[in-house]
């Protein structure tokens, strides 16, 4: 049985950014994403669609001199929302992984909702930007997500391919698929925590 609510609605306001984000883990893939960074919008829409999460993001900030803060802060709030929506983790599968092809790119994502933070990747950008998204921020964004969700998160490229857009798209899509599995309820263990320690 699915818990009554696996949703979260959060706000983060600083001198640099204003973020409002809502997440429903048991959604249908609906999204409404509005940030000043068009490529980030596209990637978050892919995340919602391929994970079947309902996701609303409203973000503003001064990107005239640096878009670092908006991208990082959206990652922070997304990670916090995942942690809040997952709740006490009873009954979840905990682990999820996906090998995802995106044309010539082949990316592996693995997620463990362990209550501990780790982020590893062999991503090495060859372009400084994809449209309006600085590729160096891929690392910062996902580190922010993983640390605030308290998850182990790995991205490994089995074939990095040649197209930077394809690399980033493979990352977001593979994460969506992996998180969906990790958050799924196991009908054989609905009242059990997926750990021998008794705590996650």
N, C-alpha and C. Protein backbone atom coordinates (compact mmCIF):
# COMPACT_ATOMS: atom_id res chain seq x y z
N UNK A 1 0.84 -1.19 0.00
CA UNK A 1 0.00 0.00 0.00
C UNK A 1 0.88 1.25 0.00
N UNK A 2 0.60 2.19 -0.89
CA UNK A 2 1.37 3.42 -0.96
C UNK A 2 1.02 4.33 0.21
N UNK A 3 2.01 4.97 0.84
CA UNK A 3 1.73 5.89 1.93
C UNK A 3 0.77 6.99 1.48
N UNK A 4 0.07 7.58 2.46
CA UNK A 4 -0.92 8.60 2.16
C UNK A 4 -0.30 9.74 1.37
N UNK A 5 0.90 10.17 1.77
CA UNK A 5 1.53 11.29 1.09
C UNK A 5 3.02 11.04 0.93
N UNK A 6 3.46 11.06 -0.30
CA UNK A 6 4.90 11.05 -0.54
C UNK A 6 5.21 12.29 -1.39
N UNK A 7 4.92 13.41 -0.75
CA UNK A 7 5.06 14.70 -1.41
C UNK A 7 5.83 15.65 -0.52
N UNK A 8 6.37 16.68 -1.14
CA UNK A 8 7.07 17.72 -0.38
C UNK A 8 6.92 19.04 -1.12
N UNK A 9 6.74 20.10 -0.36
CA UNK A 9 6.72 21.46 -0.91
C UNK A 9 7.64 22.31 -0.06
N UNK A 10 8.65 22.89 -0.68
CA UNK A 10 9.69 23.61 0.06
C UNK A 10 9.98 24.95 -0.58
N UNK A 11 10.48 25.87 0.25
CA UNK A 11 10.94 27.17 -0.23
C UNK A 11 12.34 27.42 0.31
N UNK A 12 13.13 28.10 -0.47
CA UNK A 12 14.46 28.54 -0.04
C UNK A 12 14.66 29.96 -0.53
N UNK A 13 14.88 30.87 0.39
CA UNK A 13 15.08 32.27 0.03
C UNK A 13 16.39 32.76 0.63
N UNK A 14 17.26 33.25 -0.23
CA UNK A 14 18.52 33.83 0.20
C UNK A 14 18.67 35.19 -0.47
N UNK A 15 19.78 35.87 -0.21
CA UNK A 15 20.04 37.13 -0.89
C UNK A 15 20.33 36.94 -2.37
N UNK A 16 20.56 35.69 -2.76
CA UNK A 16 20.95 35.39 -4.15
C UNK A 16 19.85 34.73 -4.97
N UNK A 17 18.99 33.93 -4.32
CA UNK A 17 17.97 33.18 -5.06
C UNK A 17 16.69 33.07 -4.26
N UNK A 18 15.61 32.81 -4.99
CA UNK A 18 14.33 32.46 -4.39
C UNK A 18 13.83 31.21 -5.11
N UNK A 19 13.67 30.13 -4.35
CA UNK A 19 13.29 28.84 -4.93
C UNK A 19 12.01 28.35 -4.27
N UNK A 20 11.05 27.93 -5.08
CA UNK A 20 9.87 27.21 -4.62
C UNK A 20 9.79 25.91 -5.41
N UNK A 21 9.65 24.80 -4.70
CA UNK A 21 9.68 23.49 -5.37
C UNK A 21 8.69 22.55 -4.71
N UNK A 22 7.92 21.86 -5.53
CA UNK A 22 7.00 20.82 -5.06
C UNK A 22 7.29 19.53 -5.81
N UNK A 23 7.28 18.41 -5.07
CA UNK A 23 7.59 17.11 -5.65
C UNK A 23 6.60 16.07 -5.15
N UNK A 24 6.07 15.28 -6.07
CA UNK A 24 5.22 14.14 -5.74
C UNK A 24 5.86 12.90 -6.33
N UNK A 25 6.37 12.02 -5.47
CA UNK A 25 7.03 10.81 -5.94
C UNK A 25 6.08 9.85 -6.64
N UNK A 26 4.80 9.92 -6.30
CA UNK A 26 3.81 9.01 -6.86
C UNK A 26 2.94 9.72 -7.89
N UNK A 27 3.58 10.52 -8.70
CA UNK A 27 2.86 11.30 -9.69
C UNK A 27 2.71 10.59 -11.02
N UNK A 28 2.50 11.39 -12.05
CA UNK A 28 2.30 10.86 -13.40
C UNK A 28 3.23 11.50 -14.42
N UNK A 29 4.19 12.28 -13.94
CA UNK A 29 5.13 12.93 -14.85
C UNK A 29 4.74 14.33 -15.25
N UNK A 30 3.84 14.96 -14.51
CA UNK A 30 3.46 16.34 -14.81
C UNK A 30 4.53 17.29 -14.29
N UNK A 31 4.74 18.39 -15.00
CA UNK A 31 5.78 19.33 -14.58
C UNK A 31 5.41 20.76 -14.95
N UNK A 32 5.93 21.66 -14.17
CA UNK A 32 5.86 23.10 -14.44
C UNK A 32 7.15 23.68 -13.89
N UNK A 33 8.11 23.88 -14.76
CA UNK A 33 9.45 24.28 -14.35
C UNK A 33 9.76 25.65 -14.94
N UNK A 34 10.07 26.60 -14.08
CA UNK A 34 10.38 27.96 -14.51
C UNK A 34 11.60 28.46 -13.74
N UNK A 35 12.74 28.44 -14.40
CA UNK A 35 13.95 29.05 -13.88
C UNK A 35 14.50 29.96 -14.97
N UNK A 36 15.46 30.83 -14.65
CA UNK A 36 16.02 31.68 -15.70
C UNK A 36 17.01 30.97 -16.62
N UNK A 37 17.19 29.66 -16.44
CA UNK A 37 18.17 28.90 -17.22
C UNK A 37 17.41 27.86 -18.04
N UNK A 38 17.27 28.13 -19.32
CA UNK A 38 16.42 27.31 -20.17
C UNK A 38 16.83 25.85 -20.24
N UNK A 39 18.13 25.58 -20.31
CA UNK A 39 18.57 24.19 -20.41
C UNK A 39 18.29 23.43 -19.12
N UNK A 40 18.42 24.10 -17.97
CA UNK A 40 18.08 23.47 -16.70
C UNK A 40 16.59 23.13 -16.67
N UNK A 41 15.75 24.04 -17.17
CA UNK A 41 14.32 23.74 -17.25
C UNK A 41 14.07 22.45 -18.02
N UNK A 42 14.71 22.34 -19.17
CA UNK A 42 14.54 21.17 -20.03
C UNK A 42 14.96 19.89 -19.30
N UNK A 43 16.09 19.94 -18.60
CA UNK A 43 16.59 18.75 -17.90
C UNK A 43 15.66 18.35 -16.76
N UNK A 44 15.14 19.33 -16.03
CA UNK A 44 14.23 19.01 -14.92
C UNK A 44 12.90 18.46 -15.44
N UNK A 45 12.47 18.95 -16.60
CA UNK A 45 11.26 18.39 -17.21
C UNK A 45 11.47 16.93 -17.60
N UNK A 46 12.66 16.62 -18.13
CA UNK A 46 12.98 15.23 -18.45
C UNK A 46 12.97 14.36 -17.20
N UNK A 47 13.52 14.90 -16.11
CA UNK A 47 13.55 14.15 -14.85
C UNK A 47 12.14 13.78 -14.40
N UNK A 48 11.24 14.77 -14.44
CA UNK A 48 9.86 14.51 -14.03
C UNK A 48 9.19 13.50 -14.95
N UNK A 49 9.34 13.70 -16.24
CA UNK A 49 8.66 12.85 -17.22
C UNK A 49 9.11 11.40 -17.12
N UNK A 50 10.42 11.17 -17.05
CA UNK A 50 10.94 9.81 -17.10
C UNK A 50 10.93 9.12 -15.74
N UNK A 51 10.78 9.90 -14.65
CA UNK A 51 10.63 9.29 -13.34
C UNK A 51 9.17 9.16 -12.92
N UNK A 52 8.27 9.73 -13.73
CA UNK A 52 6.84 9.81 -13.38
C UNK A 52 6.64 10.53 -12.05
N UNK A 53 7.45 11.57 -11.84
CA UNK A 53 7.29 12.44 -10.68
C UNK A 53 6.53 13.69 -11.12
N UNK A 54 5.66 14.20 -10.27
CA UNK A 54 5.08 15.52 -10.50
C UNK A 54 6.02 16.54 -9.88
N UNK A 55 6.43 17.52 -10.67
CA UNK A 55 7.47 18.45 -10.23
C UNK A 55 7.11 19.87 -10.64
N UNK A 56 7.10 20.76 -9.66
CA UNK A 56 6.93 22.18 -9.91
C UNK A 56 8.13 22.92 -9.35
N UNK A 57 8.74 23.75 -10.18
CA UNK A 57 9.90 24.53 -9.75
C UNK A 57 9.71 25.97 -10.21
N UNK A 58 9.79 26.90 -9.28
CA UNK A 58 9.81 28.32 -9.59
C UNK A 58 11.09 28.88 -8.97
N UNK A 59 11.98 29.37 -9.80
CA UNK A 59 13.26 29.85 -9.29
C UNK A 59 13.62 31.17 -9.95
N UNK A 60 14.09 32.10 -9.13
CA UNK A 60 14.60 33.37 -9.64
C UNK A 60 15.93 33.64 -8.96
N UNK A 61 16.71 34.49 -9.59
CA UNK A 61 18.01 34.85 -9.05
C UNK A 61 18.74 35.72 -10.06
N UNK A 62 19.80 36.35 -9.62
CA UNK A 62 20.56 37.23 -10.49
C UNK A 62 21.54 36.41 -11.31
N UNK A 63 21.16 36.09 -12.53
CA UNK A 63 22.04 35.31 -13.41
C UNK A 63 22.84 36.21 -14.35
N UNK A 64 22.72 37.52 -14.17
CA UNK A 64 23.46 38.43 -15.05
C UNK A 64 24.96 38.33 -14.82
N UNK A 65 25.36 38.04 -13.58
CA UNK A 65 26.79 37.94 -13.31
C UNK A 65 27.22 36.51 -12.99
N UNK A 66 26.28 35.66 -12.59
CA UNK A 66 26.65 34.28 -12.25
C UNK A 66 25.39 33.44 -12.09
N UNK A 67 25.32 32.34 -12.86
CA UNK A 67 24.16 31.45 -12.73
C UNK A 67 24.43 30.29 -11.78
N UNK A 68 25.59 30.30 -11.16
CA UNK A 68 25.99 29.24 -10.23
C UNK A 68 24.95 29.06 -9.12
N UNK A 69 24.51 30.18 -8.54
CA UNK A 69 23.67 30.11 -7.35
C UNK A 69 22.30 29.50 -7.65
N UNK A 70 21.71 29.87 -8.77
CA UNK A 70 20.39 29.32 -9.11
C UNK A 70 20.48 27.81 -9.31
N UNK A 71 21.47 27.36 -10.08
CA UNK A 71 21.60 25.93 -10.37
C UNK A 71 21.87 25.15 -9.09
N UNK A 72 22.80 25.63 -8.28
CA UNK A 72 23.14 24.92 -7.05
C UNK A 72 21.97 24.90 -6.07
N UNK A 73 21.28 26.04 -5.94
CA UNK A 73 20.19 26.11 -4.96
C UNK A 73 18.98 25.28 -5.39
N UNK A 74 18.73 25.18 -6.68
CA UNK A 74 17.68 24.26 -7.14
C UNK A 74 18.05 22.83 -6.77
N UNK A 75 19.33 22.48 -6.93
CA UNK A 75 19.80 21.15 -6.52
C UNK A 75 19.62 20.90 -5.03
N UNK A 76 19.93 21.91 -4.23
CA UNK A 76 19.76 21.79 -2.78
C UNK A 76 18.30 21.49 -2.43
N UNK A 77 17.39 22.29 -2.98
CA UNK A 77 15.98 22.14 -2.63
C UNK A 77 15.41 20.84 -3.19
N UNK A 78 15.85 20.44 -4.38
CA UNK A 78 15.39 19.17 -4.93
C UNK A 78 15.83 18.02 -4.04
N UNK A 79 17.06 18.04 -3.57
CA UNK A 79 17.53 16.99 -2.66
C UNK A 79 16.74 16.96 -1.36
N UNK A 80 16.47 18.14 -0.80
CA UNK A 80 15.68 18.21 0.43
C UNK A 80 14.27 17.68 0.21
N UNK A 81 13.70 17.99 -0.95
CA UNK A 81 12.35 17.52 -1.26
C UNK A 81 12.30 16.00 -1.40
N UNK A 82 13.32 15.43 -2.02
CA UNK A 82 13.38 13.97 -2.14
C UNK A 82 13.42 13.34 -0.75
N UNK A 83 14.29 13.86 0.11
CA UNK A 83 14.41 13.31 1.46
C UNK A 83 13.10 13.41 2.22
N UNK A 84 12.43 14.55 2.12
CA UNK A 84 11.17 14.73 2.84
C UNK A 84 10.07 13.84 2.28
N UNK A 85 10.00 13.74 0.95
CA UNK A 85 8.93 12.95 0.33
C UNK A 85 9.10 11.46 0.59
N UNK A 86 10.33 10.98 0.62
CA UNK A 86 10.58 9.55 0.89
C UNK A 86 10.15 9.19 2.30
N UNK A 87 10.30 10.11 3.22
CA UNK A 87 9.83 9.89 4.59
C UNK A 87 10.69 8.92 5.37
N UNK A 88 10.06 8.01 6.13
CA UNK A 88 10.82 7.12 7.01
C UNK A 88 11.45 5.93 6.27
N UNK A 89 11.19 5.82 4.98
CA UNK A 89 11.80 4.82 4.09
C UNK A 89 11.30 3.40 4.32
N UNK A 90 10.32 3.22 5.17
CA UNK A 90 9.76 1.88 5.33
C UNK A 90 9.10 1.42 4.03
N UNK A 91 9.44 0.23 3.62
CA UNK A 91 8.81 -0.37 2.46
C UNK A 91 9.44 -0.03 1.12
N UNK A 92 10.37 0.94 1.08
CA UNK A 92 10.95 1.29 -0.21
C UNK A 92 12.00 0.26 -0.62
N UNK A 93 12.28 0.22 -1.91
CA UNK A 93 13.31 -0.70 -2.41
C UNK A 93 14.71 -0.21 -2.06
N UNK A 94 14.89 1.07 -1.87
CA UNK A 94 16.12 1.72 -1.45
C UNK A 94 17.14 1.87 -2.57
N UNK A 95 17.37 0.84 -3.34
CA UNK A 95 18.36 0.88 -4.42
C UNK A 95 17.68 0.99 -5.78
N UNK A 96 18.31 1.74 -6.67
CA UNK A 96 17.84 1.80 -8.04
C UNK A 96 19.00 2.08 -8.97
N UNK A 97 18.96 1.50 -10.14
CA UNK A 97 20.03 1.74 -11.12
C UNK A 97 19.47 1.66 -12.53
N UNK A 98 20.19 2.27 -13.45
CA UNK A 98 19.75 2.29 -14.84
C UNK A 98 20.95 2.45 -15.76
N UNK A 99 21.04 1.60 -16.76
CA UNK A 99 21.96 1.81 -17.87
C UNK A 99 21.15 2.44 -18.98
N UNK A 100 21.53 3.65 -19.38
CA UNK A 100 20.69 4.39 -20.31
C UNK A 100 21.48 4.83 -21.54
N UNK A 101 21.01 4.44 -22.73
CA UNK A 101 21.62 4.94 -23.96
C UNK A 101 20.97 6.25 -24.40
N UNK A 102 21.79 7.18 -24.82
CA UNK A 102 21.30 8.41 -25.43
C UNK A 102 22.10 8.61 -26.71
N UNK A 103 21.59 8.03 -27.78
CA UNK A 103 22.31 7.99 -29.04
C UNK A 103 23.68 7.34 -28.84
N UNK A 104 24.77 8.07 -29.04
CA UNK A 104 26.10 7.45 -28.93
C UNK A 104 26.60 7.35 -27.49
N UNK A 105 25.91 7.98 -26.55
CA UNK A 105 26.31 8.00 -25.14
C UNK A 105 25.69 6.81 -24.40
N UNK A 106 26.46 6.22 -23.49
CA UNK A 106 25.93 5.16 -22.62
C UNK A 106 26.31 5.50 -21.19
N UNK A 107 25.30 5.74 -20.36
CA UNK A 107 25.50 6.22 -18.99
C UNK A 107 24.86 5.26 -18.00
N UNK A 108 25.57 5.01 -16.90
CA UNK A 108 25.04 4.21 -15.80
C UNK A 108 24.80 5.14 -14.61
N UNK A 109 23.62 5.04 -14.02
CA UNK A 109 23.32 5.74 -12.77
C UNK A 109 22.95 4.71 -11.72
N UNK A 110 23.43 4.91 -10.50
CA UNK A 110 23.05 4.06 -9.37
C UNK A 110 22.73 4.94 -8.17
N UNK A 111 21.64 4.62 -7.50
CA UNK A 111 21.15 5.39 -6.35
C UNK A 111 20.98 4.46 -5.17
N UNK A 112 21.41 4.91 -3.99
CA UNK A 112 21.12 4.23 -2.73
C UNK A 112 20.61 5.26 -1.76
N UNK A 113 19.36 5.14 -1.35
CA UNK A 113 18.77 6.05 -0.37
C UNK A 113 19.18 5.62 1.03
N UNK A 114 20.47 5.77 1.29
CA UNK A 114 21.11 5.15 2.44
C UNK A 114 21.08 6.01 3.70
N UNK A 115 20.71 7.28 3.56
CA UNK A 115 20.85 8.18 4.70
C UNK A 115 22.27 8.66 4.87
N UNK A 116 23.11 8.38 3.90
CA UNK A 116 24.51 8.84 3.89
C UNK A 116 24.79 9.45 2.53
N UNK A 117 25.70 10.42 2.51
CA UNK A 117 26.00 11.14 1.27
C UNK A 117 27.28 10.63 0.63
N UNK A 118 27.18 10.36 -0.67
CA UNK A 118 28.35 10.10 -1.49
C UNK A 118 27.99 10.43 -2.93
N UNK A 119 28.90 11.06 -3.64
CA UNK A 119 28.67 11.36 -5.05
C UNK A 119 29.95 11.10 -5.83
N UNK A 120 29.84 10.26 -6.85
CA UNK A 120 30.99 9.93 -7.69
C UNK A 120 30.57 9.95 -9.16
N UNK A 121 31.46 10.45 -10.00
CA UNK A 121 31.20 10.44 -11.43
C UNK A 121 32.51 10.52 -12.20
N UNK A 122 32.50 10.00 -13.40
CA UNK A 122 33.66 10.15 -14.29
C UNK A 122 33.34 11.14 -15.41
N UNK A 123 32.31 11.96 -15.20
CA UNK A 123 31.94 12.97 -16.19
C UNK A 123 33.06 13.97 -16.36
N UNK A 124 33.46 14.21 -17.59
CA UNK A 124 34.51 15.17 -17.91
C UNK A 124 34.05 15.99 -19.11
N UNK A 125 33.54 17.20 -18.87
CA UNK A 125 32.99 17.98 -19.99
C UNK A 125 34.08 18.39 -20.98
N UNK A 126 33.70 18.44 -22.23
CA UNK A 126 34.61 18.91 -23.27
C UNK A 126 34.16 20.26 -23.83
N UNK A 127 32.96 20.68 -23.46
CA UNK A 127 32.47 22.00 -23.82
C UNK A 127 32.20 22.79 -22.56
N UNK A 128 32.42 24.09 -22.63
CA UNK A 128 32.21 24.95 -21.46
C UNK A 128 30.74 25.13 -21.14
N UNK A 129 29.90 25.16 -22.17
CA UNK A 129 28.47 25.37 -21.98
C UNK A 129 27.66 24.52 -22.95
N UNK A 130 26.46 24.15 -22.52
CA UNK A 130 25.43 23.65 -23.43
C UNK A 130 24.29 24.66 -23.37
N UNK A 131 24.12 25.39 -24.45
CA UNK A 131 23.18 26.50 -24.47
C UNK A 131 23.53 27.46 -23.33
N UNK A 132 22.63 27.66 -22.37
CA UNK A 132 22.91 28.60 -21.28
C UNK A 132 23.32 27.88 -19.99
N UNK A 133 23.68 26.61 -20.08
CA UNK A 133 24.04 25.82 -18.89
C UNK A 133 25.55 25.57 -18.87
N UNK A 134 26.27 26.10 -17.86
CA UNK A 134 27.71 25.83 -17.75
C UNK A 134 27.94 24.38 -17.31
N UNK A 135 28.69 23.63 -18.10
CA UNK A 135 28.82 22.20 -17.84
C UNK A 135 29.54 21.90 -16.53
N UNK A 136 30.38 22.82 -16.05
CA UNK A 136 31.02 22.59 -14.75
C UNK A 136 30.00 22.50 -13.62
N UNK A 137 28.80 23.05 -13.84
CA UNK A 137 27.79 23.04 -12.80
C UNK A 137 27.07 21.70 -12.69
N UNK A 138 27.28 20.80 -13.63
CA UNK A 138 26.70 19.47 -13.51
C UNK A 138 27.15 18.83 -12.21
N UNK A 139 28.44 18.91 -11.92
CA UNK A 139 28.98 18.32 -10.69
C UNK A 139 28.37 18.98 -9.46
N UNK A 140 28.32 20.31 -9.46
CA UNK A 140 27.78 21.03 -8.30
C UNK A 140 26.30 20.72 -8.09
N UNK A 141 25.55 20.68 -9.17
CA UNK A 141 24.12 20.40 -9.06
C UNK A 141 23.87 19.05 -8.42
N UNK A 142 24.53 18.01 -8.94
CA UNK A 142 24.25 16.66 -8.43
C UNK A 142 24.86 16.42 -7.05
N UNK A 143 25.96 17.08 -6.74
CA UNK A 143 26.47 17.00 -5.37
C UNK A 143 25.47 17.61 -4.40
N UNK A 144 24.85 18.72 -4.80
CA UNK A 144 23.85 19.36 -3.96
C UNK A 144 22.63 18.47 -3.77
N UNK A 145 22.18 17.83 -4.86
CA UNK A 145 21.04 16.91 -4.75
C UNK A 145 21.37 15.77 -3.81
N UNK A 146 22.51 15.12 -4.04
CA UNK A 146 22.86 13.92 -3.27
C UNK A 146 23.09 14.23 -1.80
N UNK A 147 23.78 15.34 -1.51
CA UNK A 147 24.09 15.65 -0.11
C UNK A 147 22.83 16.01 0.66
N UNK A 148 21.90 16.71 0.03
CA UNK A 148 20.68 17.11 0.73
C UNK A 148 19.64 16.00 0.77
N UNK A 149 19.70 15.07 -0.17
CA UNK A 149 18.82 13.89 -0.10
C UNK A 149 19.42 12.80 0.76
N UNK A 150 20.69 12.96 1.16
CA UNK A 150 21.42 11.95 1.92
C UNK A 150 21.38 10.61 1.19
N UNK A 151 21.86 10.64 -0.04
CA UNK A 151 21.90 9.44 -0.87
C UNK A 151 23.31 9.19 -1.38
N UNK A 152 23.57 7.95 -1.73
CA UNK A 152 24.74 7.62 -2.55
C UNK A 152 24.30 7.75 -4.00
N UNK A 153 25.08 8.48 -4.78
CA UNK A 153 24.73 8.71 -6.19
C UNK A 153 25.97 8.55 -7.05
N UNK A 154 25.85 7.70 -8.05
CA UNK A 154 26.95 7.45 -8.98
C UNK A 154 26.48 7.64 -10.42
N UNK A 155 27.29 8.35 -11.20
CA UNK A 155 27.13 8.41 -12.65
C UNK A 155 28.43 7.96 -13.29
N UNK A 156 28.37 6.95 -14.11
CA UNK A 156 29.55 6.49 -14.82
C UNK A 156 29.21 6.37 -16.31
N UNK A 157 30.07 6.92 -17.14
CA UNK A 157 29.87 6.83 -18.58
C UNK A 157 30.64 5.64 -19.11
N UNK A 158 29.91 4.64 -19.61
CA UNK A 158 30.53 3.50 -20.27
C UNK A 158 31.04 3.91 -21.64
N UNK A 159 30.31 4.82 -22.27
CA UNK A 159 30.76 5.44 -23.52
C UNK A 159 30.36 6.92 -23.45
N UNK A 160 31.33 7.82 -23.28
CA UNK A 160 30.99 9.23 -23.13
C UNK A 160 30.50 9.89 -24.41
N UNK A 161 30.71 9.23 -25.53
CA UNK A 161 30.21 9.78 -26.78
C UNK A 161 30.91 11.06 -27.18
N UNK A 162 30.23 11.87 -28.00
CA UNK A 162 30.83 13.07 -28.56
C UNK A 162 29.99 14.33 -28.31
N UNK A 163 28.77 14.16 -27.85
CA UNK A 163 27.84 15.28 -27.76
C UNK A 163 27.55 15.62 -26.31
N UNK A 164 27.86 16.86 -25.91
CA UNK A 164 27.69 17.26 -24.51
C UNK A 164 26.22 17.27 -24.10
N UNK A 165 25.36 17.71 -25.00
CA UNK A 165 23.92 17.69 -24.71
C UNK A 165 23.47 16.27 -24.41
N UNK A 166 23.91 15.31 -25.20
CA UNK A 166 23.53 13.91 -24.98
C UNK A 166 24.03 13.41 -23.64
N UNK A 167 25.24 13.81 -23.25
CA UNK A 167 25.78 13.38 -21.95
C UNK A 167 24.89 13.86 -20.80
N UNK A 168 24.57 15.14 -20.82
CA UNK A 168 23.76 15.69 -19.73
C UNK A 168 22.35 15.11 -19.73
N UNK A 169 21.79 14.92 -20.91
CA UNK A 169 20.45 14.34 -20.99
C UNK A 169 20.46 12.91 -20.45
N UNK A 170 21.51 12.16 -20.76
CA UNK A 170 21.61 10.78 -20.25
C UNK A 170 21.70 10.76 -18.73
N UNK A 171 22.38 11.75 -18.16
CA UNK A 171 22.50 11.83 -16.70
C UNK A 171 21.13 12.05 -16.06
N UNK A 172 20.40 13.03 -16.53
CA UNK A 172 19.11 13.34 -15.92
C UNK A 172 18.09 12.22 -16.12
N UNK A 173 18.07 11.64 -17.31
CA UNK A 173 17.12 10.55 -17.56
C UNK A 173 17.46 9.30 -16.75
N UNK A 174 18.75 8.97 -16.67
CA UNK A 174 19.13 7.77 -15.91
C UNK A 174 18.87 7.96 -14.43
N UNK A 175 19.05 9.20 -13.93
CA UNK A 175 18.72 9.46 -12.53
C UNK A 175 17.23 9.30 -12.29
N UNK A 176 16.43 9.82 -13.19
CA UNK A 176 14.97 9.70 -13.05
C UNK A 176 14.55 8.25 -12.93
N UNK A 177 15.07 7.41 -13.82
CA UNK A 177 14.72 5.99 -13.80
C UNK A 177 15.22 5.31 -12.53
N UNK A 178 16.42 5.66 -12.10
CA UNK A 178 17.01 5.03 -10.91
C UNK A 178 16.27 5.43 -9.65
N UNK A 179 15.97 6.72 -9.52
CA UNK A 179 15.27 7.19 -8.33
C UNK A 179 13.87 6.61 -8.26
N UNK A 180 13.21 6.49 -9.40
CA UNK A 180 11.87 5.90 -9.41
C UNK A 180 11.89 4.49 -8.81
N UNK A 181 12.87 3.68 -9.21
CA UNK A 181 12.97 2.32 -8.68
C UNK A 181 13.30 2.34 -7.20
N UNK A 182 14.26 3.18 -6.80
CA UNK A 182 14.68 3.24 -5.39
C UNK A 182 13.54 3.65 -4.47
N UNK A 183 12.64 4.50 -4.98
CA UNK A 183 11.51 4.99 -4.17
C UNK A 183 10.30 4.07 -4.19
N UNK A 184 10.28 3.12 -5.10
CA UNK A 184 9.12 2.24 -5.21
C UNK A 184 8.90 1.44 -3.94
N UNK A 185 7.63 1.20 -3.64
CA UNK A 185 7.28 0.39 -2.48
C UNK A 185 7.36 -1.08 -2.85
N UNK A 186 8.00 -1.86 -2.00
CA UNK A 186 8.10 -3.30 -2.19
C UNK A 186 6.91 -3.96 -1.50
N UNK A 187 5.99 -4.57 -2.23
CA UNK A 187 4.78 -5.12 -1.61
C UNK A 187 5.07 -6.22 -0.61
N UNK A 188 6.24 -6.80 -0.64
CA UNK A 188 6.59 -7.87 0.31
C UNK A 188 7.21 -7.32 1.59
N UNK A 189 7.46 -6.02 1.63
CA UNK A 189 8.17 -5.47 2.79
C UNK A 189 7.64 -4.09 3.16
N UNK A 190 6.33 -3.91 3.12
CA UNK A 190 5.75 -2.60 3.31
C UNK A 190 6.01 -2.02 4.70
N UNK A 191 6.14 -2.87 5.71
CA UNK A 191 6.35 -2.38 7.07
C UNK A 191 7.79 -2.56 7.52
N UNK A 192 8.68 -2.83 6.57
CA UNK A 192 10.07 -3.09 6.91
C UNK A 192 10.98 -1.97 6.40
N UNK A 193 12.02 -1.69 7.19
CA UNK A 193 13.05 -0.77 6.77
C UNK A 193 14.12 -1.56 6.02
N UNK A 194 14.55 -1.12 4.84
CA UNK A 194 15.50 -1.90 4.05
C UNK A 194 16.93 -1.79 4.56
N UNK A 195 17.14 -2.22 5.79
CA UNK A 195 18.47 -2.19 6.40
C UNK A 195 18.48 -3.10 7.62
N UNK A 196 19.58 -3.84 7.81
CA UNK A 196 19.72 -4.67 9.00
C UNK A 196 20.05 -3.83 10.23
N UNK A 197 20.44 -2.57 10.02
CA UNK A 197 20.77 -1.70 11.15
C UNK A 197 19.54 -1.21 11.89
N UNK A 198 18.39 -1.24 11.20
CA UNK A 198 17.17 -0.74 11.80
C UNK A 198 17.00 0.76 11.67
N UNK A 199 17.89 1.41 10.89
CA UNK A 199 17.80 2.85 10.71
C UNK A 199 18.49 3.24 9.41
N UNK A 200 17.88 4.18 8.71
CA UNK A 200 18.49 4.75 7.51
C UNK A 200 18.48 6.27 7.61
